[in-house]
Amino acid sequence: MPVNFNDTPSQDLGLFFKKGGLYGELLKLPKPKERYSYDWKDEHGKEYDTFSPTVYESLQYNIPCYLVANDVDDLQAKRTAILELISAPAGFDFYSNTLGRGFKLRYIDSPSFRTMNPIWSKGKLYCEFTLVFENNFDPTITQFALADEYNFIVTENDEQIIVEDYKQHF
């Protein structure tokens, strides 16, 4: 599950995601905001605005993670590096190579970091926690490989041609 925080691979930060947790959260469908409606007293049901575009509430992701460190000092350094990356006032870019698209996220909380319970195993320190992010659907990059109906289209050096598109994702 290769993912990047502002072009920094999560593995470089010692950050890994629990199986099924990351994409289970990132692929959630957004909830539409309530449409304008009027409940006429002398008619059945409600009358809804059927002309305005559908807009969505921001999505909140609760991503279960774990941090791998060599010792307590390494744990503190990695924790600080992660916090600095995700706490930028403008948010941060989160890119999933598996999904081929980015997310512009804001850090909301990490409730389980307050009660860290490190586990030593095979000379490594492991800590479980949850990261809570908000997605307001700012435009992000999508990458995809060019392909015809049978195969990927490649260059004369057998390299895939990757195309990027910058758009708003829901």
C-alpha atoms as a PDB file:
ATOM      1  CA  MET A   1       0.000   0.000   0.000  1.00  0.00           C
ATOM      2  CA  PRO A   2       2.427   2.693  -1.065  1.00  0.00           C
ATOM      3  CA  VAL A   3       1.177   6.115   0.011  1.00  0.00           C
ATOM      4  CA  ASN A   4       2.892   9.476   0.270  1.00  0.00           C
ATOM      5  CA  PHE A   5       2.450  12.426   2.607  1.00  0.00           C
ATOM      6  CA  ASN A   6       3.563  15.530   0.635  1.00  0.00           C
ATOM      7  CA  ASP A   7       5.851  13.334  -1.520  1.00  0.00           C
ATOM      8  CA  THR A   8       7.288  11.533   1.547  1.00  0.00           C
ATOM      9  CA  PRO A   9       6.598   7.766   1.451  1.00  0.00           C
ATOM     10  CA  SER A  10       4.802   6.576   4.570  1.00  0.00           C
ATOM     11  CA  GLN A  11       7.378   3.793   5.044  1.00  0.00           C
ATOM     12  CA  ASP A  12      10.133   6.439   5.381  1.00  0.00           C
ATOM     13  CA  LEU A  13       8.191   7.788   8.363  1.00  0.00           C
ATOM     14  CA  GLY A  14       7.848   4.310   9.876  1.00  0.00           C
ATOM     15  CA  LEU A  15       4.097   4.632   9.314  1.00  0.00           C
ATOM     16  CA  PHE A  16       2.053   1.660   8.144  1.00  0.00           C
ATOM     17  CA  PHE A  17      -1.688   1.046   7.859  1.00  0.00           C
ATOM     18  CA  LYS A  18      -3.715  -1.787   9.307  1.00  0.00           C
ATOM     19  CA  LYS A  19      -5.018  -4.224   6.730  1.00  0.00           C
ATOM     20  CA  GLY A  20      -8.343  -3.082   5.254  1.00  0.00           C
ATOM     21  CA  GLY A  21      -8.373   0.167   7.226  1.00  0.00           C
ATOM     22  CA  LEU A  22      -6.881   2.647   4.777  1.00  0.00           C
ATOM     23  CA  TYR A  23      -8.849   1.904   1.625  1.00  0.00           C
ATOM     24  CA  GLY A  24     -11.993   1.094   3.570  1.00  0.00           C
ATOM     25  CA  GLU A  25     -11.889   4.723   4.723  1.00  0.00           C
ATOM     26  CA  LEU A  26     -10.591   6.416   1.543  1.00  0.00           C
ATOM     27  CA  LEU A  27     -13.260   4.807  -0.654  1.00  0.00           C
ATOM     28  CA  LYS A  28     -16.245   5.826   1.495  1.00  0.00           C
ATOM     29  CA  LEU A  29     -18.944   7.689  -0.398  1.00  0.00           C
ATOM     30  CA  PRO A  30     -19.679  11.254   0.697  1.00  0.00           C
ATOM     31  CA  LYS A  31     -23.014  12.245   2.196  1.00  0.00           C
ATOM     32  CA  PRO A  32     -24.946  14.843   0.155  1.00  0.00           C
ATOM     33  CA  LYS A  33     -25.785  18.082   1.917  1.00  0.00           C
ATOM     34  CA  GLU A  34     -29.478  18.592   2.523  1.00  0.00           C
ATOM     35  CA  ARG A  35     -31.249  19.987  -0.526  1.00  0.00           C
ATOM     36  CA  TYR A  36     -33.566  22.925  -0.270  1.00  0.00           C
ATOM     37  CA  SER A  37     -37.107  21.626   0.161  1.00  0.00           C
ATOM     38  CA  TYR A  38     -40.502  22.862   1.163  1.00  0.00           C
ATOM     39  CA  ASP A  39     -43.218  20.855   2.855  1.00  0.00           C
ATOM     40  CA  TRP A  40     -46.477  22.318   1.545  1.00  0.00           C
ATOM     41  CA  LYS A  41     -49.232  21.800   4.112  1.00  0.00           C
ATOM     42  CA  ASP A  42     -51.882  21.035   1.505  1.00  0.00           C
ATOM     43  CA  GLU A  43     -49.790  18.580  -0.634  1.00  0.00           C
ATOM     44  CA  HIS A  44     -48.349  15.101  -0.080  1.00  0.00           C
ATOM     45  CA  GLY A  45     -44.605  14.731   0.507  1.00  0.00           C
ATOM     46  CA  LYS A  46     -42.024  17.461   0.029  1.00  0.00           C
ATOM     47  CA  GLU A  47     -41.065  19.572  -2.935  1.00  0.00           C
ATOM     48  CA  TYR A  48     -37.280  19.443  -3.578  1.00  0.00           C
ATOM     49  CA  ASP A  49     -34.935  21.656  -5.549  1.00  0.00           C
ATOM     50  CA  THR A  50     -34.173  19.481  -8.570  1.00  0.00           C
ATOM     51  CA  PHE A  51     -32.011  21.991 -10.464  1.00  0.00           C
ATOM     52  CA  SER A  52     -29.097  22.862  -8.155  1.00  0.00           C
ATOM     53  CA  PRO A  53     -26.062  20.553  -8.324  1.00  0.00           C
ATOM     54  CA  THR A  54     -25.533  18.015  -5.564  1.00  0.00           C
ATOM     55  CA  VAL A  55     -22.912  19.162  -3.052  1.00  0.00           C
ATOM     56  CA  TYR A  56     -21.374  17.037  -0.328  1.00  0.00           C
ATOM     57  CA  GLU A  57     -20.498  17.296   3.336  1.00  0.00           C
ATOM     58  CA  SER A  58     -16.812  16.907   4.106  1.00  0.00           C
ATOM     59  CA  LEU A  59     -15.726  13.334   4.776  1.00  0.00           C
ATOM     60  CA  GLN A  60     -13.974  12.280   7.936  1.00  0.00           C
ATOM     61  CA  TYR A  61     -11.535   9.367   7.778  1.00  0.00           C
ATOM     62  CA  ASN A  62     -10.547   7.308  10.835  1.00  0.00           C
ATOM     63  CA  ILE A  63      -7.465   5.475   9.604  1.00  0.00           C
ATOM     64  CA  PRO A  64      -5.988   2.760  11.856  1.00  0.00           C
ATOM     65  CA  CYS A  65      -2.170   2.864  11.734  1.00  0.00           C
ATOM     66  CA  TYR A  66       0.917   1.637  13.440  1.00  0.00           C
ATOM     67  CA  LEU A  67       4.360   3.139  13.833  1.00  0.00           C
ATOM     68  CA  VAL A  68       7.529   1.044  13.677  1.00  0.00           C
ATOM     69  CA  ALA A  69      10.668   2.362  15.368  1.00  0.00           C
ATOM     70  CA  ASN A  70      14.080   1.026  16.399  1.00  0.00           C
ATOM     71  CA  ASP A  71      13.970   2.499  19.911  1.00  0.00           C
ATOM     72  CA  VAL A  72      12.234   5.184  21.978  1.00  0.00           C
ATOM     73  CA  ASP A  73      14.322   8.021  20.497  1.00  0.00           C
ATOM     74  CA  ASP A  74      13.490   6.860  16.957  1.00  0.00           C
ATOM     75  CA  LEU A  75       9.810   6.615  17.955  1.00  0.00           C
ATOM     76  CA  GLN A  76       9.793  10.225  19.215  1.00  0.00           C
ATOM     77  CA  ALA A  77      11.592  11.472  16.068  1.00  0.00           C
ATOM     78  CA  LYS A  78       9.151   9.681  13.726  1.00  0.00           C
ATOM     79  CA  ARG A  79       6.131  10.850  15.732  1.00  0.00           C
ATOM     80  CA  THR A  80       7.387  14.458  15.506  1.00  0.00           C
ATOM     81  CA  ALA A  81       8.057  14.155  11.751  1.00  0.00           C
ATOM     82  CA  ILE A  82       4.541  12.808  11.113  1.00  0.00           C
ATOM     83  CA  LEU A  83       2.937  15.536  13.213  1.00  0.00           C
ATOM     84  CA  GLU A  84       4.891  18.260  11.374  1.00  0.00           C
ATOM     85  CA  LEU A  85       3.808  16.878   7.979  1.00  0.00           C
ATOM     86  CA  ILE A  86       0.112  16.558   8.752  1.00  0.00           C
ATOM     87  CA  SER A  87      -0.329  19.728  10.840  1.00  0.00           C
ATOM     88  CA  ALA A  88       0.261  22.319   8.104  1.00  0.00           C
ATOM     89  CA  PRO A  89      -2.452  25.033   8.243  1.00  0.00           C
ATOM     90  CA  ALA A  90      -3.293  24.476   4.560  1.00  0.00           C
ATOM     91  CA  GLY A  91      -3.556  20.718   5.028  1.00  0.00           C
ATOM     92  CA  PHE A  92      -1.380  18.171   3.252  1.00  0.00           C
ATOM     93  CA  ASP A  93      -1.354  16.072   0.101  1.00  0.00           C
ATOM     94  CA  PHE A  94      -1.949  12.366   0.573  1.00  0.00           C
ATOM     95  CA  TYR A  95      -1.309  10.288  -2.538  1.00  0.00           C
ATOM     96  CA  SER A  96      -2.178   6.612  -2.973  1.00  0.00           C
ATOM     97  CA  ASN A  97      -0.196   4.816  -5.679  1.00  0.00           C
ATOM     98  CA  THR A  98      -2.639   1.915  -5.503  1.00  0.00           C
ATOM     99  CA  LEU A  99      -5.651   4.141  -6.249  1.00  0.00           C
ATOM    100  CA  GLY A 100      -3.645   6.380  -8.579  1.00  0.00           C
ATOM    101  CA  ARG A 101      -5.020   9.539  -7.025  1.00  0.00           C
ATOM    102  CA  GLY A 102      -4.394  12.138  -4.402  1.00  0.00           C
ATOM    103  CA  PHE A 103      -6.383  13.526  -1.496  1.00  0.00           C
ATOM    104  CA  LYS A 104      -6.055  16.972   0.065  1.00  0.00           C
ATOM    105  CA  LEU A 105      -6.581  16.302   3.771  1.00  0.00           C
ATOM    106  CA  ARG A 106      -6.560  18.155   7.069  1.00  0.00           C
ATOM    107  CA  TYR A 107      -5.474  16.629  10.345  1.00  0.00           C
ATOM    108  CA  ILE A 108      -8.287  16.558  12.924  1.00  0.00           C
ATOM    109  CA  ASP A 109      -7.225  14.276  15.756  1.00  0.00           C
ATOM    110  CA  SER A 110      -5.381  11.178  16.902  1.00  0.00           C
ATOM    111  CA  PRO A 111      -7.181  10.150  20.064  1.00  0.00           C
ATOM    112  CA  SER A 112      -5.242   6.939  20.640  1.00  0.00           C
ATOM    113  CA  PHE A 113      -1.840   8.651  20.464  1.00  0.00           C
ATOM    114  CA  ARG A 114      -2.547  10.088  23.895  1.00  0.00           C
ATOM    115  CA  THR A 115      -2.572   6.585  25.350  1.00  0.00           C
ATOM    116  CA  MET A 116       0.255   5.013  23.353  1.00  0.00           C
ATOM    117  CA  ASN A 117       0.926   1.437  24.299  1.00  0.00           C
ATOM    118  CA  PRO A 118       4.223   0.392  22.678  1.00  0.00           C
ATOM    119  CA  ILE A 119       4.904  -3.267  21.967  1.00  0.00           C
ATOM    120  CA  TRP A 120       8.467  -4.615  21.582  1.00  0.00           C
ATOM    121  CA  SER A 121       8.865  -7.425  19.056  1.00  0.00           C
ATOM    122  CA  LYS A 122      11.985  -8.716  17.260  1.00  0.00           C
ATOM    123  CA  GLY A 123      14.014  -5.666  18.287  1.00  0.00           C
ATOM    124  CA  LYS A 124      11.433  -3.143  17.018  1.00  0.00           C
ATOM    125  CA  LEU A 125       8.981  -0.892  18.775  1.00  0.00           C
ATOM    126  CA  TYR A 126       5.396  -0.972  17.444  1.00  0.00           C
ATOM    127  CA  CYS A 127       2.644   1.483  18.404  1.00  0.00           C
ATOM    128  CA  GLU A 128      -0.971   1.355  17.255  1.00  0.00           C
ATOM    129  CA  PHE A 129      -3.041   4.509  16.843  1.00  0.00           C
ATOM    130  CA  THR A 130      -5.733   6.115  14.712  1.00  0.00           C
ATOM    131  CA  LEU A 131      -5.334   9.187  12.535  1.00  0.00           C
ATOM    132  CA  VAL A 132      -8.457  11.270  11.929  1.00  0.00           C
ATOM    133  CA  PHE A 133      -8.436  13.375   8.747  1.00  0.00           C
ATOM    134  CA  GLU A 134     -10.982  15.570   6.973  1.00  0.00           C
ATOM    135  CA  ASN A 135     -11.454  15.667   3.201  1.00  0.00           C
ATOM    136  CA  ASN A 136     -13.092  18.842   1.833  1.00  0.00           C
ATOM    137  CA  PHE A 137     -12.722  17.678  -1.776  1.00  0.00           C
ATOM    138  CA  ASP A 138     -10.066  20.158  -2.865  1.00  0.00           C
ATOM    139  CA  PRO A 139      -8.805  19.352  -6.391  1.00  0.00           C
ATOM    140  CA  THR A 140      -5.978  16.783  -6.454  1.00  0.00           C
ATOM    141  CA  ILE A 141      -3.873  14.860  -8.971  1.00  0.00           C
ATOM    142  CA  THR A 142      -4.984  11.620 -10.599  1.00  0.00           C
ATOM    143  CA  GLN A 143      -2.507   9.469 -12.521  1.00  0.00           C
ATOM    144  CA  PHE A 144      -3.312   6.741 -14.971  1.00  0.00           C
ATOM    145  CA  ALA A 145      -1.385   4.730 -17.536  1.00  0.00           C
ATOM    146  CA  LEU A 146      -2.369   5.040 -21.192  1.00  0.00           C
ATOM    147  CA  ALA A 147      -3.781   1.810 -22.585  1.00  0.00           C
ATOM    148  CA  ASP A 148      -5.667   0.595 -25.612  1.00  0.00           C
ATOM    149  CA  GLU A 149      -8.268  -2.142 -25.317  1.00  0.00           C
ATOM    150  CA  TYR A 150      -5.634  -4.891 -25.059  1.00  0.00           C
ATOM    151  CA  ASN A 151      -2.450  -3.572 -23.404  1.00  0.00           C
ATOM    152  CA  PHE A 152      -0.741  -0.610 -21.821  1.00  0.00           C
ATOM    153  CA  ILE A 153       0.786   1.767 -24.341  1.00  0.00           C
ATOM    154  CA  VAL A 154       4.538   1.938 -23.775  1.00  0.00           C
ATOM    155  CA  THR A 155       7.442   4.013 -25.060  1.00  0.00           C
ATOM    156  CA  GLU A 156      10.203   2.548 -27.212  1.00  0.00           C
ATOM    157  CA  ASN A 157      12.054   1.845 -23.929  1.00  0.00           C
ATOM    158  CA  ASP A 158       9.117  -0.273 -22.666  1.00  0.00           C
ATOM    159  CA  GLU A 159       8.060   2.357 -20.105  1.00  0.00           C
ATOM    160  CA  GLN A 160       4.388   3.035 -19.418  1.00  0.00           C
ATOM    161  CA  ILE A 161       3.078   6.451 -20.353  1.00  0.00           C
ATOM    162  CA  ILE A 162       1.553   8.053 -17.258  1.00  0.00           C
ATOM    163  CA  VAL A 163      -0.971  10.867 -17.654  1.00  0.00           C
ATOM    164  CA  GLU A 164      -1.854  13.257 -14.837  1.00  0.00           C
ATOM    165  CA  ASP A 165      -5.133  15.073 -14.404  1.00  0.00           C
ATOM    166  CA  TYR A 166      -5.893  17.687 -11.746  1.00  0.00           C
ATOM    167  CA  LYS A 167      -9.534  17.609 -10.675  1.00  0.00           C
ATOM    168  CA  GLN A 168     -11.986  17.503  -7.820  1.00  0.00           C
ATOM    169  CA  HIS A 169     -12.789  13.952  -6.664  1.00  0.00           C
ATOM    170  CA  PHE A 170     -15.792  12.708  -4.749  1.00  0.00           C
END
